[in-house]
């Protein structure tokens, strides 16, 4: 089955899969819009500041699979990164809502340049700030540099949802007052 360019397994092969993913997408889209309201409040902006910019937002969900590790020993300074499932990167939208996997593997690069495991917490989400939000806020929010290294003997699944404002939304960086920062977020119609 092909819908909107996506390739879906047939209903016979995987009953209910499409409807479950569609329902999940709707719920996480709602959560992402709520998160933007929290970002607005954290920036001393009106809670609904981003609402008009998210009427038909960029929202891309991916279903990711990482096979079990061939060698479940942790990486160390002398170990080659030969089995990294997804190399170090930051996301490019405003932020990512990541459904936490039941298997470990996500690592965040700390400000001290140390890879720190983000242990899975059942039923939780991880929010990664992405490059667009960092640029838009003049660095008040920093992009989350992360990677995936499945060092377990379990399969790892991940469902990132990359969220942004409307793709035709013009934005500019300006000045606003945020605690010790000085910046302003505006939109240009």
C-alpha atoms as a PDB file:
ATOM      1  CA  UNK A   1       0.000   0.000   0.000  1.00  0.00           C
ATOM      2  CA  UNK A   2       1.371   3.447  -0.927  1.00  0.00           C
ATOM      3  CA  UNK A   3      -0.079   6.533   0.766  1.00  0.00           C
ATOM      4  CA  UNK A   4       1.478   9.993   0.353  1.00  0.00           C
ATOM      5  CA  UNK A   5       4.672   8.473  -1.028  1.00  0.00           C
ATOM      6  CA  UNK A   6       5.189   6.149   1.951  1.00  0.00           C
ATOM      7  CA  UNK A   7       5.389   2.420   1.388  1.00  0.00           C
ATOM      8  CA  UNK A   8       3.285   0.451   3.857  1.00  0.00           C
ATOM      9  CA  UNK A   9       3.064  -3.306   4.388  1.00  0.00           C
ATOM     10  CA  UNK A  10      -0.220  -4.805   3.278  1.00  0.00           C
ATOM     11  CA  UNK A  11      -2.976  -5.116   5.871  1.00  0.00           C
ATOM     12  CA  UNK A  12      -2.805  -8.906   5.399  1.00  0.00           C
ATOM     13  CA  UNK A  13       0.918  -8.990   6.201  1.00  0.00           C
ATOM     14  CA  UNK A  14       0.761  -6.706   9.218  1.00  0.00           C
ATOM     15  CA  UNK A  15      -2.832  -6.209  10.395  1.00  0.00           C
ATOM     16  CA  UNK A  16      -3.528  -2.841  12.043  1.00  0.00           C
ATOM     17  CA  UNK A  17      -0.005  -1.481  11.511  1.00  0.00           C
ATOM     18  CA  UNK A  18      -1.014   1.473   9.333  1.00  0.00           C
ATOM     19  CA  UNK A  19      -3.845   2.543  11.673  1.00  0.00           C
ATOM     20  CA  UNK A  20      -1.618   2.264  14.765  1.00  0.00           C
ATOM     21  CA  UNK A  21       1.113   4.379  13.166  1.00  0.00           C
ATOM     22  CA  UNK A  22      -1.452   6.902  11.920  1.00  0.00           C
ATOM     23  CA  UNK A  23      -2.912   7.215  15.438  1.00  0.00           C
ATOM     24  CA  UNK A  24       0.555   7.523  16.984  1.00  0.00           C
ATOM     25  CA  UNK A  25       1.487  10.236  14.470  1.00  0.00           C
ATOM     26  CA  UNK A  26      -1.611  12.257  15.390  1.00  0.00           C
ATOM     27  CA  UNK A  27      -0.875  11.992  19.108  1.00  0.00           C
ATOM     28  CA  UNK A  28       2.800  12.925  18.805  1.00  0.00           C
ATOM     29  CA  UNK A  29       1.882  15.836  16.515  1.00  0.00           C
ATOM     30  CA  UNK A  30      -0.415  17.104  19.274  1.00  0.00           C
ATOM     31  CA  UNK A  31       2.394  16.666  21.823  1.00  0.00           C
ATOM     32  CA  UNK A  32       4.868  18.545  19.593  1.00  0.00           C
ATOM     33  CA  UNK A  33       2.514  21.501  19.255  1.00  0.00           C
ATOM     34  CA  UNK A  34       2.180  21.539  23.052  1.00  0.00           C
ATOM     35  CA  UNK A  35       5.986  21.397  23.365  1.00  0.00           C
ATOM     36  CA  UNK A  36       6.237  24.504  21.173  1.00  0.00           C
ATOM     37  CA  UNK A  37       3.966  26.279  23.673  1.00  0.00           C
ATOM     38  CA  UNK A  38       6.390  25.295  26.446  1.00  0.00           C
ATOM     39  CA  UNK A  39       9.329  26.567  24.393  1.00  0.00           C
ATOM     40  CA  UNK A  40       7.475  29.885  23.927  1.00  0.00           C
ATOM     41  CA  UNK A  41       6.943  30.242  27.681  1.00  0.00           C
ATOM     42  CA  UNK A  42      10.598  29.395  28.370  1.00  0.00           C
ATOM     43  CA  UNK A  43      11.575  32.224  26.008  1.00  0.00           C
ATOM     44  CA  UNK A  44       9.308  34.720  27.801  1.00  0.00           C
ATOM     45  CA  UNK A  45       6.969  34.815  24.811  1.00  0.00           C
ATOM     46  CA  UNK A  46       3.187  34.454  24.842  1.00  0.00           C
ATOM     47  CA  UNK A  47       2.223  30.785  25.129  1.00  0.00           C
ATOM     48  CA  UNK A  48       0.543  30.826  21.706  1.00  0.00           C
ATOM     49  CA  UNK A  49       3.462  32.599  19.976  1.00  0.00           C
ATOM     50  CA  UNK A  50       4.242  29.654  17.668  1.00  0.00           C
ATOM     51  CA  UNK A  51       0.644  28.465  17.091  1.00  0.00           C
ATOM     52  CA  UNK A  52       0.118  30.317  13.788  1.00  0.00           C
ATOM     53  CA  UNK A  53       3.474  28.987  12.575  1.00  0.00           C
ATOM     54  CA  UNK A  54       2.378  25.378  13.106  1.00  0.00           C
ATOM     55  CA  UNK A  55      -0.878  25.164  11.158  1.00  0.00           C
ATOM     56  CA  UNK A  56       0.633  22.684   8.671  1.00  0.00           C
ATOM     57  CA  UNK A  57       4.045  22.027  10.218  1.00  0.00           C
ATOM     58  CA  UNK A  58       6.898  19.885   9.110  1.00  0.00           C
ATOM     59  CA  UNK A  59       6.409  16.637  10.970  1.00  0.00           C
ATOM     60  CA  UNK A  60       8.348  13.577   9.878  1.00  0.00           C
ATOM     61  CA  UNK A  61       8.231  10.279  11.769  1.00  0.00           C
ATOM     62  CA  UNK A  62      10.682   7.456  11.138  1.00  0.00           C
ATOM     63  CA  UNK A  63      10.637   3.874  12.303  1.00  0.00           C
ATOM     64  CA  UNK A  64      14.221   2.831  13.045  1.00  0.00           C
ATOM     65  CA  UNK A  65      15.655  -0.634  13.696  1.00  0.00           C
ATOM     66  CA  UNK A  66      19.080  -1.435  15.170  1.00  0.00           C
ATOM     67  CA  UNK A  67      20.109  -5.102  15.211  1.00  0.00           C
ATOM     68  CA  UNK A  68      21.683  -6.696  18.291  1.00  0.00           C
ATOM     69  CA  UNK A  69      25.383  -6.043  18.769  1.00  0.00           C
ATOM     70  CA  UNK A  70      27.838  -8.643  17.514  1.00  0.00           C
ATOM     71  CA  UNK A  71      30.175  -7.542  20.303  1.00  0.00           C
ATOM     72  CA  UNK A  72      28.232  -6.259  23.349  1.00  0.00           C
ATOM     73  CA  UNK A  73      31.291  -4.741  25.058  1.00  0.00           C
ATOM     74  CA  UNK A  74      31.068  -0.990  25.668  1.00  0.00           C
ATOM     75  CA  UNK A  75      32.995   1.394  23.475  1.00  0.00           C
ATOM     76  CA  UNK A  76      36.079   2.889  25.067  1.00  0.00           C
ATOM     77  CA  UNK A  77      38.702   5.378  23.983  1.00  0.00           C
ATOM     78  CA  UNK A  78      40.754   2.625  22.274  1.00  0.00           C
ATOM     79  CA  UNK A  79      37.800   0.896  20.595  1.00  0.00           C
ATOM     80  CA  UNK A  80      37.037   1.591  16.960  1.00  0.00           C
ATOM     81  CA  UNK A  81      33.461   2.749  16.357  1.00  0.00           C
ATOM     82  CA  UNK A  82      32.857  -0.090  13.900  1.00  0.00           C
ATOM     83  CA  UNK A  83      29.356  -0.993  15.065  1.00  0.00           C
ATOM     84  CA  UNK A  84      27.720   2.389  15.472  1.00  0.00           C
ATOM     85  CA  UNK A  85      24.110   2.155  14.388  1.00  0.00           C
ATOM     86  CA  UNK A  86      23.860   5.859  13.664  1.00  0.00           C
ATOM     87  CA  UNK A  87      26.882   8.151  13.812  1.00  0.00           C
ATOM     88  CA  UNK A  88      27.182  11.414  15.698  1.00  0.00           C
ATOM     89  CA  UNK A  89      24.816  14.077  14.408  1.00  0.00           C
ATOM     90  CA  UNK A  90      22.287  16.723  15.366  1.00  0.00           C
ATOM     91  CA  UNK A  91      18.799  16.928  13.909  1.00  0.00           C
ATOM     92  CA  UNK A  92      17.885  19.767  11.554  1.00  0.00           C
ATOM     93  CA  UNK A  93      14.260  20.714  12.385  1.00  0.00           C
ATOM     94  CA  UNK A  94      13.203  22.645  15.525  1.00  0.00           C
ATOM     95  CA  UNK A  95      13.167  19.643  17.847  1.00  0.00           C
ATOM     96  CA  UNK A  96      12.728  15.885  17.851  1.00  0.00           C
ATOM     97  CA  UNK A  97      10.288  13.927  19.985  1.00  0.00           C
ATOM     98  CA  UNK A  98      11.832  10.498  20.465  1.00  0.00           C
ATOM     99  CA  UNK A  99       9.791   7.606  21.798  1.00  0.00           C
ATOM    100  CA  UNK A 100      12.166   5.918  24.227  1.00  0.00           C
ATOM    101  CA  UNK A 101      13.287   2.445  23.204  1.00  0.00           C
ATOM    102  CA  UNK A 102      13.225  -0.451  25.635  1.00  0.00           C
ATOM    103  CA  UNK A 103      16.866  -1.157  24.730  1.00  0.00           C
ATOM    104  CA  UNK A 104      19.787   1.107  25.555  1.00  0.00           C
ATOM    105  CA  UNK A 105      21.869   2.655  22.800  1.00  0.00           C
ATOM    106  CA  UNK A 106      21.169   6.375  22.578  1.00  0.00           C
ATOM    107  CA  UNK A 107      24.152   8.463  23.649  1.00  0.00           C
ATOM    108  CA  UNK A 108      24.295  12.248  24.071  1.00  0.00           C
ATOM    109  CA  UNK A 109      27.491  14.275  23.666  1.00  0.00           C
ATOM    110  CA  UNK A 110      27.937  16.325  26.828  1.00  0.00           C
ATOM    111  CA  UNK A 111      29.279  19.909  26.830  1.00  0.00           C
ATOM    112  CA  UNK A 112      32.551  18.346  28.054  1.00  0.00           C
ATOM    113  CA  UNK A 113      32.732  16.234  24.858  1.00  0.00           C
ATOM    114  CA  UNK A 114      31.915  12.961  26.641  1.00  0.00           C
ATOM    115  CA  UNK A 115      29.431  10.433  25.254  1.00  0.00           C
ATOM    116  CA  UNK A 116      26.795   9.877  27.924  1.00  0.00           C
ATOM    117  CA  UNK A 117      24.231   7.066  27.746  1.00  0.00           C
ATOM    118  CA  UNK A 118      20.570   8.111  27.811  1.00  0.00           C
ATOM    119  CA  UNK A 119      19.087   5.114  29.607  1.00  0.00           C
ATOM    120  CA  UNK A 120      15.657   4.039  28.368  1.00  0.00           C
ATOM    121  CA  UNK A 121      12.731   4.938  30.620  1.00  0.00           C
ATOM    122  CA  UNK A 122       9.625   2.929  29.799  1.00  0.00           C
ATOM    123  CA  UNK A 123       6.770   5.043  28.458  1.00  0.00           C
ATOM    124  CA  UNK A 124       8.833   8.224  28.177  1.00  0.00           C
ATOM    125  CA  UNK A 125       9.899  10.610  25.444  1.00  0.00           C
ATOM    126  CA  UNK A 126      13.247  12.291  24.898  1.00  0.00           C
ATOM    127  CA  UNK A 127      13.207  15.788  23.394  1.00  0.00           C
ATOM    128  CA  UNK A 128      16.262  16.739  21.332  1.00  0.00           C
ATOM    129  CA  UNK A 129      16.717  20.364  20.373  1.00  0.00           C
ATOM    130  CA  UNK A 130      17.575  20.592  16.682  1.00  0.00           C
ATOM    131  CA  UNK A 131      19.656  22.950  14.559  1.00  0.00           C
ATOM    132  CA  UNK A 132      16.822  25.202  13.405  1.00  0.00           C
ATOM    133  CA  UNK A 133      15.794  25.959  17.029  1.00  0.00           C
ATOM    134  CA  UNK A 134      19.408  26.629  17.988  1.00  0.00           C
ATOM    135  CA  UNK A 135      19.820  29.081  15.114  1.00  0.00           C
ATOM    136  CA  UNK A 136      16.430  30.680  15.677  1.00  0.00           C
ATOM    137  CA  UNK A 137      17.178  31.286  19.362  1.00  0.00           C
ATOM    138  CA  UNK A 138      20.723  32.565  18.724  1.00  0.00           C
ATOM    139  CA  UNK A 139      22.107  29.607  20.678  1.00  0.00           C
ATOM    140  CA  UNK A 140      19.912  29.938  23.770  1.00  0.00           C
ATOM    141  CA  UNK A 141      18.895  26.367  22.980  1.00  0.00           C
ATOM    142  CA  UNK A 142      21.745  24.148  21.784  1.00  0.00           C
ATOM    143  CA  UNK A 143      21.386  21.320  19.279  1.00  0.00           C
ATOM    144  CA  UNK A 144      21.594  17.900  20.883  1.00  0.00           C
ATOM    145  CA  UNK A 145      24.502  15.998  19.361  1.00  0.00           C
ATOM    146  CA  UNK A 146      23.742  12.296  19.684  1.00  0.00           C
ATOM    147  CA  UNK A 147      24.439   8.854  18.253  1.00  0.00           C
ATOM    148  CA  UNK A 148      23.121   5.322  18.577  1.00  0.00           C
ATOM    149  CA  UNK A 149      25.377   2.464  19.597  1.00  0.00           C
ATOM    150  CA  UNK A 150      23.451  -0.733  20.325  1.00  0.00           C
ATOM    151  CA  UNK A 151      25.783  -2.605  22.658  1.00  0.00           C
ATOM    152  CA  UNK A 152      23.071  -4.978  23.850  1.00  0.00           C
ATOM    153  CA  UNK A 153      22.114  -8.428  22.631  1.00  0.00           C
ATOM    154  CA  UNK A 154      18.560  -7.129  22.078  1.00  0.00           C
ATOM    155  CA  UNK A 155      17.055  -5.568  18.997  1.00  0.00           C
ATOM    156  CA  UNK A 156      16.539  -1.832  19.374  1.00  0.00           C
ATOM    157  CA  UNK A 157      13.652   0.122  17.884  1.00  0.00           C
ATOM    158  CA  UNK A 158      13.346   3.888  17.826  1.00  0.00           C
ATOM    159  CA  UNK A 159      10.586   6.236  16.633  1.00  0.00           C
ATOM    160  CA  UNK A 160      11.879   9.798  16.157  1.00  0.00           C
ATOM    161  CA  UNK A 161       9.399  12.509  15.199  1.00  0.00           C
ATOM    162  CA  UNK A 162      11.139  15.535  13.682  1.00  0.00           C
ATOM    163  CA  UNK A 163       9.069  18.689  14.182  1.00  0.00           C
ATOM    164  CA  UNK A 164       9.290  22.134  12.623  1.00  0.00           C
ATOM    165  CA  UNK A 165       7.168  25.148  11.817  1.00  0.00           C
ATOM    166  CA  UNK A 166       5.267  25.370   8.521  1.00  0.00           C
ATOM    167  CA  UNK A 167       7.788  24.880   5.736  1.00  0.00           C
ATOM    168  CA  UNK A 168       6.637  28.073   4.020  1.00  0.00           C
ATOM    169  CA  UNK A 169       6.984  30.092   7.251  1.00  0.00           C
ATOM    170  CA  UNK A 170       9.515  32.909   7.030  1.00  0.00           C
ATOM    171  CA  UNK A 171      11.383  33.469  10.301  1.00  0.00           C
ATOM    172  CA  UNK A 172      14.105  35.794  11.429  1.00  0.00           C
ATOM    173  CA  UNK A 173      16.394  36.075  14.392  1.00  0.00           C
ATOM    174  CA  UNK A 174      16.186  39.247  16.430  1.00  0.00           C
ATOM    175  CA  UNK A 175      16.330  40.334  20.083  1.00  0.00           C
ATOM    176  CA  UNK A 176      14.369  39.143  23.144  1.00  0.00           C
ATOM    177  CA  UNK A 177      15.013  39.140  26.825  1.00  0.00           C
ATOM    178  CA  UNK A 178      15.476  35.717  28.401  1.00  0.00           C
ATOM    179  CA  UNK A 179      16.989  35.687  31.871  1.00  0.00           C
ATOM    180  CA  UNK A 180      20.644  36.408  31.008  1.00  0.00           C
ATOM    181  CA  UNK A 181      20.127  36.274  27.252  1.00  0.00           C
ATOM    182  CA  UNK A 182      18.957  38.979  24.912  1.00  0.00           C
ATOM    183  CA  UNK A 183      16.974  37.949  21.843  1.00  0.00           C
ATOM    184  CA  UNK A 184      13.587  38.112  20.150  1.00  0.00           C
ATOM    185  CA  UNK A 185      11.772  35.593  18.001  1.00  0.00           C
ATOM    186  CA  UNK A 186       9.607  37.042  15.271  1.00  0.00           C
ATOM    187  CA  UNK A 187       7.873  35.737  12.219  1.00  0.00           C
ATOM    188  CA  UNK A 188       7.588  37.480   8.901  1.00  0.00           C
ATOM    189  CA  UNK A 189       4.258  36.841   7.132  1.00  0.00           C
END
